Protein backbone atom coordinates (compact mmCIF):
# COMPACT_ATOMS: atom_id res chain seq x y z
CA UNK A 1 37.37 66.25 -55.73
CA UNK A 2 38.26 62.56 -55.00
CA UNK A 3 35.62 60.68 -53.24
CA UNK A 4 37.66 58.23 -50.83
CA UNK A 5 34.86 56.94 -48.57
CA UNK A 6 32.80 54.25 -49.86
CA UNK A 7 29.31 53.48 -48.28
CA UNK A 8 26.66 50.56 -48.75
CA UNK A 9 23.59 52.79 -48.70
CA UNK A 10 21.32 49.96 -48.86
CA UNK A 11 22.92 48.35 -46.11
CA UNK A 12 22.82 51.78 -44.04
CA UNK A 13 18.93 51.93 -44.89
CA UNK A 14 18.27 48.43 -43.90
CA UNK A 15 20.36 49.14 -40.51
CA UNK A 16 18.24 52.28 -40.18
CA UNK A 17 14.91 50.76 -40.59
CA UNK A 18 15.86 48.08 -38.15
CA UNK A 19 16.43 50.58 -35.45
CA UNK A 20 13.41 52.45 -36.21
CA UNK A 21 11.31 49.40 -35.44
CA UNK A 22 13.05 48.86 -32.41
CA UNK A 23 12.33 52.45 -31.23
CA UNK A 24 8.69 51.93 -32.13
CA UNK A 25 8.74 49.06 -29.70
CA UNK A 26 6.31 49.93 -26.62
CA UNK A 27 8.93 48.32 -24.27
CA UNK A 28 11.61 50.13 -25.70
CA UNK A 29 12.42 52.92 -22.65
CA UNK A 30 12.26 49.57 -20.25
CA UNK A 31 16.42 50.00 -20.53
CA UNK A 32 16.91 53.55 -20.77
CA UNK A 33 20.95 53.31 -21.04
CA UNK A 34 20.36 50.90 -24.20
CA UNK A 35 17.39 53.39 -25.60
CA UNK A 36 19.65 56.15 -25.71
CA UNK A 37 22.60 54.21 -27.75
CA UNK A 38 20.02 52.76 -30.13
CA UNK A 39 18.48 56.62 -30.59
CA UNK A 40 22.13 58.08 -30.79
CA UNK A 41 23.28 55.23 -33.37
CA UNK A 42 19.63 55.73 -35.31
CA UNK A 43 20.57 59.24 -35.42
CA UNK A 44 23.77 59.25 -36.58
CA UNK A 45 23.22 56.74 -39.55
CA UNK A 46 19.96 59.10 -40.49
CA UNK A 47 22.29 62.20 -40.71
CA UNK A 48 24.91 60.24 -42.49
CA UNK A 49 22.14 58.84 -45.31
CA UNK A 50 21.08 62.57 -45.89
CA UNK A 51 24.22 63.95 -45.68
CA UNK A 52 25.39 61.27 -48.80
CA UNK A 53 21.50 61.93 -50.53
CA UNK A 54 22.48 65.76 -50.58
CA UNK A 55 25.97 65.15 -52.04
CA UNK A 56 24.47 62.87 -54.72
CA UNK A 57 21.64 65.65 -55.74
CA UNK A 58 24.65 68.36 -56.02
CA UNK A 59 27.26 66.06 -57.83
CA UNK A 60 24.17 65.12 -60.25
CA UNK A 61 23.14 69.13 -60.64
CA UNK A 62 26.67 69.78 -61.25
CA UNK A 63 27.33 66.96 -63.87
CA UNK A 64 24.40 68.43 -65.74
CA UNK A 65 25.82 71.72 -65.71
CA UNK A 66 29.29 70.54 -66.87
CA UNK A 67 27.18 68.69 -69.86
CA UNK A 68 26.04 72.06 -70.60
CA UNK A 69 29.41 74.13 -70.60
CA UNK A 70 30.57 71.34 -73.08
CA UNK A 71 28.01 71.97 -75.65
CA UNK A 72 27.90 75.73 -74.88
CA UNK A 73 30.37 78.53 -73.09
CA UNK A 74 28.46 80.29 -70.40
CA UNK A 75 30.71 82.21 -68.16
CA UNK A 76 27.99 82.98 -65.30
CA UNK A 77 27.33 78.85 -65.37
CA UNK A 78 31.20 78.56 -65.16
CA UNK A 79 31.43 80.52 -62.26
CA UNK A 80 28.38 79.29 -60.46
CA UNK A 81 29.78 75.58 -61.02
CA UNK A 82 33.38 76.14 -59.84
CA UNK A 83 31.72 77.69 -56.66
CA UNK A 84 29.33 74.76 -56.17
CA UNK A 85 32.33 72.12 -56.68
CA UNK A 86 34.93 74.06 -54.39
CA UNK A 87 32.00 74.15 -51.39
CA UNK A 88 30.63 70.77 -52.26
CA UNK A 89 34.59 69.99 -51.62
CA UNK A 90 34.71 71.47 -48.42
CA UNK A 91 31.23 70.00 -47.14
CA UNK A 92 33.16 66.46 -48.20
CA UNK A 93 36.43 67.20 -46.27
CA UNK A 94 34.25 67.92 -43.29
CA UNK A 95 31.96 64.91 -43.53
CA UNK A 96 34.94 62.76 -44.24
CA UNK A 97 36.72 63.98 -41.11
CA UNK A 98 33.56 63.35 -38.96
CA UNK A 99 33.93 59.73 -39.53
CA UNK A 100 37.37 59.10 -38.38
CA UNK A 101 35.67 59.81 -34.98
CA UNK A 102 34.48 56.04 -34.72
CA UNK A 103 34.74 55.44 -31.18
CA UNK A 104 31.08 55.44 -29.62
CA UNK A 105 32.75 57.56 -26.55
CA UNK A 106 34.49 60.07 -28.55
CA UNK A 107 31.98 62.62 -27.57
CA UNK A 108 33.02 62.35 -23.78
CA UNK A 109 35.35 64.23 -21.98
CA UNK A 110 38.87 63.18 -21.57
CA UNK A 111 41.21 62.42 -18.33
CA UNK A 112 44.93 62.51 -18.90
CA UNK A 113 47.59 60.84 -16.42
CA UNK A 114 51.14 61.57 -16.90
CA UNK A 115 54.14 59.39 -15.20
CA UNK A 116 57.85 59.76 -15.88
CA UNK A 117 59.92 56.96 -17.12
CA UNK A 118 63.11 55.50 -16.01
CA UNK A 119 65.81 58.56 -15.86
CA UNK A 120 65.05 60.60 -12.74
CA UNK A 121 65.06 64.24 -13.05
CA UNK A 122 65.34 64.59 -16.90
CA UNK A 123 62.05 62.02 -16.97
CA UNK A 124 60.10 63.95 -14.43
CA UNK A 125 60.90 67.41 -16.51
CA UNK A 126 59.97 65.48 -19.64
CA UNK A 127 56.55 64.64 -17.94
CA UNK A 128 55.86 68.24 -16.99
CA UNK A 129 56.76 69.38 -20.22
CA UNK A 130 53.82 67.19 -21.72
CA UNK A 131 51.68 68.38 -19.07
CA UNK A 132 52.07 71.63 -20.29
CA UNK A 133 51.75 70.89 -23.86
CA UNK A 134 48.26 69.25 -23.38
CA UNK A 135 47.27 72.62 -21.29
CA UNK A 136 48.14 74.73 -24.18
CA UNK A 137 46.56 72.19 -26.60
CA UNK A 138 43.21 72.63 -24.91
CA UNK A 139 43.40 76.43 -24.47
CA UNK A 140 43.78 76.68 -28.43
CA UNK A 141 41.00 74.12 -28.92
CA UNK A 142 38.95 76.48 -26.23
CA UNK A 143 38.41 73.36 -24.26
CA UNK A 144 38.04 73.36 -20.44
CA UNK A 145 41.28 72.14 -18.67
CA UNK A 146 41.71 71.31 -14.70
CA UNK A 147 44.67 70.01 -12.76
CA UNK A 148 42.53 67.14 -10.48
CA UNK A 149 45.82 65.73 -9.09
CA UNK A 150 49.75 66.47 -9.14
CA UNK A 151 52.84 65.26 -7.12
CA UNK A 152 55.85 67.27 -7.92
CA UNK A 153 59.40 65.68 -8.38
CA UNK A 154 62.09 65.98 -6.01
CA UNK A 155 64.37 68.32 -8.09
CA UNK A 156 62.24 69.11 -11.08
CA UNK A 157 59.32 68.37 -13.18
CA UNK A 158 56.64 66.09 -11.85
CA UNK A 159 56.53 62.68 -10.47
CA UNK A 160 52.51 62.55 -11.69
CA UNK A 161 49.77 64.22 -12.56
CA UNK A 162 45.98 64.18 -13.92
CA UNK A 163 44.24 66.32 -16.11
CA UNK A 164 40.42 66.87 -16.95
CA UNK A 165 40.01 68.03 -20.34
CA UNK A 166 36.00 69.20 -21.26
CA UNK A 167 34.79 70.30 -24.39
CA UNK A 168 33.36 68.85 -27.81
CA UNK A 169 35.00 65.54 -28.87
CA UNK A 170 38.05 65.90 -26.04
CA UNK A 171 38.26 62.19 -25.75
CA UNK A 172 37.56 61.63 -29.84
CA UNK A 173 40.72 64.28 -30.06
CA UNK A 174 43.14 62.98 -27.07
CA UNK A 175 42.52 59.03 -27.35
CA UNK A 176 45.60 59.18 -30.00
CA UNK A 177 48.05 60.56 -27.08
CA UNK A 178 47.86 57.34 -24.93
CA UNK A 179 51.14 55.78 -25.07
CA UNK A 180 54.79 56.61 -24.31
CA UNK A 181 56.17 59.83 -25.51
CA UNK A 182 60.17 59.91 -26.42
CA UNK A 183 62.20 62.90 -25.69
CA UNK A 184 65.59 63.34 -27.21
CA UNK A 185 67.79 66.53 -26.00
CA UNK A 186 70.91 67.90 -24.63
CA UNK A 187 69.95 67.84 -21.15
CA UNK A 188 69.81 70.96 -18.99
CA UNK A 189 70.21 68.69 -15.96
CA UNK A 190 73.97 67.32 -17.26
CA UNK A 191 76.98 69.54 -16.51
CA UNK A 192 78.35 68.26 -19.82
CA UNK A 193 75.03 69.26 -21.88
CA UNK A 194 74.73 65.38 -23.10
CA UNK A 195 72.36 64.46 -25.13
CA UNK A 196 69.65 62.22 -23.14
CA UNK A 197 66.67 60.14 -24.18
CA UNK A 198 63.83 60.35 -21.70
CA UNK A 199 60.55 58.46 -21.61
CA UNK A 200 57.15 59.66 -19.96
CA UNK A 201 53.37 57.76 -20.54
CA UNK A 202 50.34 59.31 -21.11
CA UNK A 203 47.48 57.52 -20.47
CA UNK A 204 43.79 58.72 -21.85
CA UNK A 205 40.38 57.44 -21.06
CA UNK A 206 37.09 58.89 -21.46
CA UNK A 207 35.38 60.49 -18.41
CA UNK A 208 32.14 58.05 -17.70
CA UNK A 209 28.93 59.70 -17.95
CA UNK A 210 25.38 58.35 -16.85
CA UNK A 211 25.19 56.20 -20.11
CA UNK A 212 27.69 53.94 -18.91
CA UNK A 213 26.85 51.85 -16.29
CA UNK A 214 29.77 51.17 -13.72
CA UNK A 215 28.61 49.45 -10.65
CA UNK A 216 31.03 49.83 -7.71
CA UNK A 217 30.47 48.23 -4.47
CA UNK A 218 31.51 50.47 -1.33
CA UNK A 219 33.12 47.48 0.59
CA UNK A 220 35.50 47.27 -2.07
CA UNK A 221 36.66 50.80 -1.44
CA UNK A 222 39.51 52.13 0.89
CA UNK A 223 39.04 55.69 1.19
CA UNK A 224 42.10 57.71 2.52
CA UNK A 225 42.27 61.53 3.31
CA UNK A 226 45.18 63.72 3.74
CA UNK A 227 46.41 67.26 3.25
CA UNK A 228 46.57 68.82 -0.01
CA UNK A 229 50.29 70.29 -0.74
CA UNK A 230 51.62 72.28 -3.48
CA UNK A 231 54.93 72.20 -5.14
CA UNK A 232 57.99 71.94 -2.67
CA UNK A 233 55.78 70.70 -0.06
CA UNK A 234 53.75 73.69 0.77
CA UNK A 235 50.40 72.99 2.55
CA UNK A 236 47.60 74.65 0.46
CA UNK A 237 44.85 73.48 3.14
CA UNK A 238 45.09 72.73 6.68
CA UNK A 239 42.43 70.16 6.63
CA UNK A 240 42.29 66.62 5.32
CA UNK A 241 40.64 67.62 2.41
CA UNK A 242 42.81 65.58 -0.32
CA UNK A 243 41.24 62.16 -1.22
CA UNK A 244 42.76 58.82 -2.30
CA UNK A 245 40.69 55.81 -3.40
CA UNK A 246 42.02 52.20 -3.68
CA UNK A 247 39.81 49.67 -5.25
CA UNK A 248 40.78 46.61 -3.36
CA UNK A 249 39.95 44.06 -6.07
CA UNK A 250 41.67 45.48 -9.07
CA UNK A 251 44.53 47.75 -7.09
CA UNK A 252 43.43 50.83 -8.73
CA UNK A 253 44.20 54.01 -6.93
CA UNK A 254 42.92 57.44 -7.66
CA UNK A 255 43.68 60.68 -5.85
CA UNK A 256 42.34 64.02 -6.10
CA UNK A 257 43.59 67.12 -3.91
CA UNK A 258 42.46 70.14 -6.29
CA UNK A 259 39.45 71.34 -4.26
CA UNK A 260 39.15 72.78 -1.15
CA UNK A 261 36.19 70.42 -0.02
CA UNK A 262 36.81 66.78 0.94
CA UNK A 263 33.37 65.80 -0.38
CA UNK A 264 34.06 67.29 -3.68
CA UNK A 265 37.53 65.68 -3.88
CA UNK A 266 35.88 62.44 -3.36
CA UNK A 267 33.08 62.88 -6.09
CA UNK A 268 35.87 63.68 -8.34
CA UNK A 269 37.71 60.45 -7.33
CA UNK A 270 34.60 58.35 -7.76
CA UNK A 271 34.47 59.60 -11.37
CA UNK A 272 38.00 58.96 -12.19
CA UNK A 273 37.62 55.13 -10.48
CA UNK A 274 34.45 54.51 -12.89
CA UNK A 275 36.44 55.75 -15.66
CA UNK A 276 39.60 53.29 -15.15
CA UNK A 277 37.52 50.64 -14.16
CA UNK A 278 35.62 50.98 -17.61
CA UNK A 279 39.00 51.33 -19.36
CA UNK A 280 40.13 47.99 -17.33
CA UNK A 281 36.87 46.51 -18.62
CA UNK A 282 37.08 47.79 -22.15
CA UNK A 283 40.81 46.28 -22.27
CA UNK A 284 39.39 42.73 -21.08
CA UNK A 285 36.93 42.85 -24.15
CA UNK A 286 39.50 43.20 -26.58
CA UNK A 287 41.64 40.58 -25.29
CA UNK A 288 39.09 38.31 -25.41
CA UNK A 289 38.04 39.31 -29.15
CA UNK A 290 41.73 39.20 -29.99
CA UNK A 291 42.05 35.17 -28.75
CA UNK A 292 38.52 34.31 -30.54
CA UNK A 293 39.67 36.13 -33.70
CA UNK A 294 43.56 34.90 -33.54
CA UNK A 295 44.46 38.43 -34.24
CA UNK A 296 46.77 40.02 -31.99
CA UNK A 297 45.93 43.44 -31.54
CA UNK A 298 48.08 46.13 -29.73
CA UNK A 299 46.06 47.32 -26.68
CA UNK A 300 48.80 48.25 -24.54
CA UNK A 301 48.54 51.71 -23.22
CA UNK A 302 52.87 51.57 -22.89
CA UNK A 303 53.69 51.24 -26.46
CA UNK A 304 56.13 54.33 -27.56
CA UNK A 305 54.09 56.57 -30.21
CA UNK A 306 55.77 59.40 -30.65
CA UNK A 307 59.48 61.32 -30.36
CA UNK A 308 60.18 64.50 -30.09
CA UNK A 309 63.96 65.62 -31.13
CA UNK A 310 65.35 68.49 -29.84
CA UNK A 311 68.97 67.95 -30.80
CA UNK A 312 71.17 67.38 -32.94
CA UNK A 313 68.40 68.35 -35.27
CA UNK A 314 64.50 69.11 -34.61
CA UNK A 315 61.61 66.74 -35.47
CA UNK A 316 58.59 65.35 -34.03
CA UNK A 317 57.42 61.85 -35.74
CA UNK A 318 54.50 59.68 -34.82
CA UNK A 319 54.95 56.10 -35.13
CA UNK A 320 51.92 55.26 -36.15
CA UNK A 321 50.72 57.42 -38.93
CA UNK A 322 54.16 58.34 -39.90
CA UNK A 323 53.05 62.03 -39.73
CA UNK A 324 55.89 64.32 -38.81
CA UNK A 325 56.88 68.03 -38.27
CA UNK A 326 60.34 69.77 -37.79
CA UNK A 327 59.15 72.80 -35.65
CA UNK A 328 59.23 70.84 -32.19
CA UNK A 329 58.84 73.97 -30.18
CA UNK A 330 55.40 75.00 -31.77
CA UNK A 331 54.06 71.31 -31.15
CA UNK A 332 55.33 71.45 -27.49
CA UNK A 333 53.28 74.91 -27.93
CA UNK A 334 50.07 73.02 -27.95
CA UNK A 335 49.85 72.85 -31.78
CA UNK A 336 49.08 69.05 -32.19
CA UNK A 337 46.16 68.80 -34.39
CA UNK A 338 47.95 67.90 -37.34
CA UNK A 339 49.01 64.40 -35.60
CA UNK A 340 45.79 64.14 -34.05
CA UNK A 341 44.27 64.12 -37.56
CA UNK A 342 46.71 61.98 -38.98
CA UNK A 343 46.27 59.25 -36.53
CA UNK A 344 42.26 59.29 -36.75
CA UNK A 345 42.45 59.13 -40.29
CA UNK A 346 45.22 56.20 -39.74
CA UNK A 347 42.93 54.37 -37.54
CA UNK A 348 39.73 54.64 -39.05
CA UNK A 349 41.75 53.09 -42.06
CA UNK A 350 43.00 50.45 -39.64
CA UNK A 351 39.80 49.46 -38.34
CA UNK A 352 38.00 49.60 -41.54
CA UNK A 353 40.29 48.75 -44.41
CA UNK A 354 37.46 47.86 -46.83
CA UNK A 355 35.92 51.05 -46.60
CA UNK A 356 38.88 52.96 -48.39
CA UNK A 357 39.26 56.26 -46.83
């Protein structure tokens, strides 16, 4: 078993003591949002310390057992030590993986937006293929999945779509998917069956909850209602239940037509708007940080992240972690966890180069 993660235990204990002192302050709960964040951070550090101490005790006991085995052969002790090491490796692998969820928003639900790139019908079809891929991924992970908005393409595929995926670490897993996805295949829409390259973008943002304060001035909103419609223009609701909200200062537009009730669609729109405004604020902070530190960070949501090749060979490759799989059809059926885990590890290494994970 190789321990790749290294921790400054003394620093963790010092940080824990400092946060615990804040919690004891009588004025601690005056700012409820900040108090929750501090409690969550304290709980995370304490859990990490307890796990490290448990690993240390077990490793010490195992070392003592190995020393005894060097002096005298004992079949029962050998088998017991072997089982202990196997179990300890499994525990450590799970602990190491948990560290990769380094964003404070990883535990939130995820909103996914799909938009075809240039390429007409082929790109619209590619966007719909990606939509299905993430729906299948959600099913495999036993996540909840809901189509919030969908505009069909004129000939095939989709012009845009929005998914809400709910479940444990939904955003933590799916934040790896933000960016441009590239498709290479023999197009079924080309009479000659020529090979085409198409692009579609996926934007992933956390669904903000009550712990994140986003203030919206009602005067900054333009709210439009319209008839919900399904594929091919089929009316699915004769009342104007669909809602579109425009945030005038930023130009952000969100829409929802999946609920039959206008109020429910409006509530969903407001949740999406808050998430988009939160994402915009985070992007501004990263830009400011890069100016202060002089480090240029890739904060673009439109960078190409992955290629899916169907012809002349089959390959799916992530251009950040360099992880790849040759069974493109299995990937398109939602088996994405290999790519997600590789990205999480790559992202953690990028953000914590001195930790050695």
